[in-house]
Amino acid sequence: LADEQERLKYVVMQEFVRLRKEKGITQDELSKRTGIARPNIARMENGSYNPTIEMMARLADGLDMHLEIKWVSNN
């Protein structure tokens, strides 16, 4: 289970970084847009910080997006 959680965290953060870069937004600009300190964004992106859902929603808003979370059955 721990390995799956780490894999999921990695995938989510990689997707976030891809989207941020695709939109041409720097960590500094995203910090200004969201009020989240740039070092916290950097730590989140490198996997050393686990963001809250609130933080992820603010980051999504800073990217002109919305956050969608789904519960999916394993069956």
C-alpha atoms as a PDB file:
ATOM      1  CA  LEU A   1       0.000   0.000   0.000  1.00  0.00           C
ATOM      2  CA  ALA A   2       2.794   2.444   0.853  1.00  0.00           C
ATOM      3  CA  ASP A   3       4.429   1.831  -2.534  1.00  0.00           C
ATOM      4  CA  GLU A   4       1.135   2.506  -4.313  1.00  0.00           C
ATOM      5  CA  GLN A   5       0.662   5.745  -2.350  1.00  0.00           C
ATOM      6  CA  GLU A   6       4.173   6.913  -3.271  1.00  0.00           C
ATOM      7  CA  ARG A   7       3.558   6.055  -6.929  1.00  0.00           C
ATOM      8  CA  LEU A   8       0.278   7.970  -6.911  1.00  0.00           C
ATOM      9  CA  LYS A   9       1.917  10.981  -5.246  1.00  0.00           C
ATOM     10  CA  TYR A  10       4.666  10.919  -7.884  1.00  0.00           C
ATOM     11  CA  VAL A  11       2.177  10.734 -10.759  1.00  0.00           C
ATOM     12  CA  VAL A  12       0.051  13.587  -9.380  1.00  0.00           C
ATOM     13  CA  MET A  13       3.068  15.841  -8.844  1.00  0.00           C
ATOM     14  CA  GLN A  14       4.519  15.075 -12.275  1.00  0.00           C
ATOM     15  CA  GLU A  15       1.188  15.972 -13.870  1.00  0.00           C
ATOM     16  CA  PHE A  16       1.051  19.199 -11.870  1.00  0.00           C
ATOM     17  CA  VAL A  17       4.585  20.186 -12.966  1.00  0.00           C
ATOM     18  CA  ARG A  18       3.758  19.336 -16.581  1.00  0.00           C
ATOM     19  CA  LEU A  19       0.639  21.503 -16.517  1.00  0.00           C
ATOM     20  CA  ARG A  20       2.415  24.420 -14.835  1.00  0.00           C
ATOM     21  CA  LYS A  21       5.235  24.361 -17.377  1.00  0.00           C
ATOM     22  CA  GLU A  22       2.838  23.836 -20.294  1.00  0.00           C
ATOM     23  CA  LYS A  23       1.048  27.024 -19.245  1.00  0.00           C
ATOM     24  CA  GLY A  24       4.384  28.859 -18.981  1.00  0.00           C
ATOM     25  CA  ILE A  25       3.899  29.706 -15.302  1.00  0.00           C
ATOM     26  CA  THR A  26       6.940  29.818 -13.042  1.00  0.00           C
ATOM     27  CA  GLN A  27       6.874  28.747  -9.411  1.00  0.00           C
ATOM     28  CA  ASP A  28       7.314  32.412  -8.466  1.00  0.00           C
ATOM     29  CA  GLU A  29       4.336  33.501 -10.584  1.00  0.00           C
ATOM     30  CA  LEU A  30       2.193  30.689  -9.190  1.00  0.00           C
ATOM     31  CA  SER A  31       3.192  31.760  -5.680  1.00  0.00           C
ATOM     32  CA  LYS A  32       2.004  35.302  -6.420  1.00  0.00           C
ATOM     33  CA  ARG A  33      -1.261  34.033  -7.913  1.00  0.00           C
ATOM     34  CA  THR A  34      -2.053  31.698  -5.005  1.00  0.00           C
ATOM     35  CA  GLY A  35      -0.421  33.228  -1.937  1.00  0.00           C
ATOM     36  CA  ILE A  36       1.439  29.943  -1.387  1.00  0.00           C
ATOM     37  CA  ALA A  37       5.131  30.452  -0.632  1.00  0.00           C
ATOM     38  CA  ARG A  38       7.371  29.486  -3.553  1.00  0.00           C
ATOM     39  CA  PRO A  39       9.516  27.171  -1.379  1.00  0.00           C
ATOM     40  CA  ASN A  40       6.350  25.215  -0.493  1.00  0.00           C
ATOM     41  CA  ILE A  41       5.521  24.856  -4.178  1.00  0.00           C
ATOM     42  CA  ALA A  42       9.075  23.673  -4.888  1.00  0.00           C
ATOM     43  CA  ARG A  43       8.975  21.148  -2.028  1.00  0.00           C
ATOM     44  CA  MET A  44       5.615  19.860  -3.238  1.00  0.00           C
ATOM     45  CA  GLU A  45       6.936  19.458  -6.778  1.00  0.00           C
ATOM     46  CA  ASN A  46       9.997  17.512  -5.639  1.00  0.00           C
ATOM     47  CA  GLY A  47       7.908  15.222  -3.446  1.00  0.00           C
ATOM     48  CA  SER A  48       9.180  16.339  -0.054  1.00  0.00           C
ATOM     49  CA  TYR A  49       5.918  18.060   0.919  1.00  0.00           C
ATOM     50  CA  ASN A  50       2.404  16.594   0.875  1.00  0.00           C
ATOM     51  CA  PRO A  51      -0.082  19.295  -0.081  1.00  0.00           C
ATOM     52  CA  THR A  52      -3.529  19.506   1.473  1.00  0.00           C
ATOM     53  CA  ILE A  53      -6.590  19.364  -0.737  1.00  0.00           C
ATOM     54  CA  GLU A  54      -7.089  23.071   0.011  1.00  0.00           C
ATOM     55  CA  MET A  55      -3.576  23.826  -1.254  1.00  0.00           C
ATOM     56  CA  MET A  56      -4.123  21.744  -4.379  1.00  0.00           C
ATOM     57  CA  ALA A  57      -7.386  23.592  -5.054  1.00  0.00           C
ATOM     58  CA  ARG A  58      -5.575  26.946  -4.709  1.00  0.00           C
ATOM     59  CA  LEU A  59      -2.842  25.744  -7.056  1.00  0.00           C
ATOM     60  CA  ALA A  60      -5.435  24.600  -9.591  1.00  0.00           C
ATOM     61  CA  ASP A  61      -7.084  28.023  -9.397  1.00  0.00           C
ATOM     62  CA  GLY A  62      -3.671  29.627  -9.929  1.00  0.00           C
ATOM     63  CA  LEU A  63      -3.379  27.583 -13.127  1.00  0.00           C
ATOM     64  CA  ASP A  64      -6.878  28.714 -14.208  1.00  0.00           C
ATOM     65  CA  MET A  65      -8.146  25.192 -13.627  1.00  0.00           C
ATOM     66  CA  HIS A  66     -10.262  23.372 -11.067  1.00  0.00           C
ATOM     67  CA  LEU A  67      -9.387  20.333  -9.013  1.00  0.00           C
ATOM     68  CA  GLU A  68     -11.369  17.139  -9.509  1.00  0.00           C
ATOM     69  CA  ILE A  69     -10.923  14.149  -7.215  1.00  0.00           C
ATOM     70  CA  LYS A  70     -12.583  10.823  -7.892  1.00  0.00           C
ATOM     71  CA  TRP A  71     -13.122   7.720  -5.813  1.00  0.00           C
ATOM     72  CA  VAL A  72     -12.723   4.702  -8.077  1.00  0.00           C
ATOM     73  CA  SER A  73     -13.601   1.117  -7.228  1.00  0.00           C
ATOM     74  CA  ASN A  74     -10.825  -1.480  -7.353  1.00  0.00           C
ATOM     75  CA  ASN A  75     -13.278  -4.014  -8.805  1.00  0.00           C
END
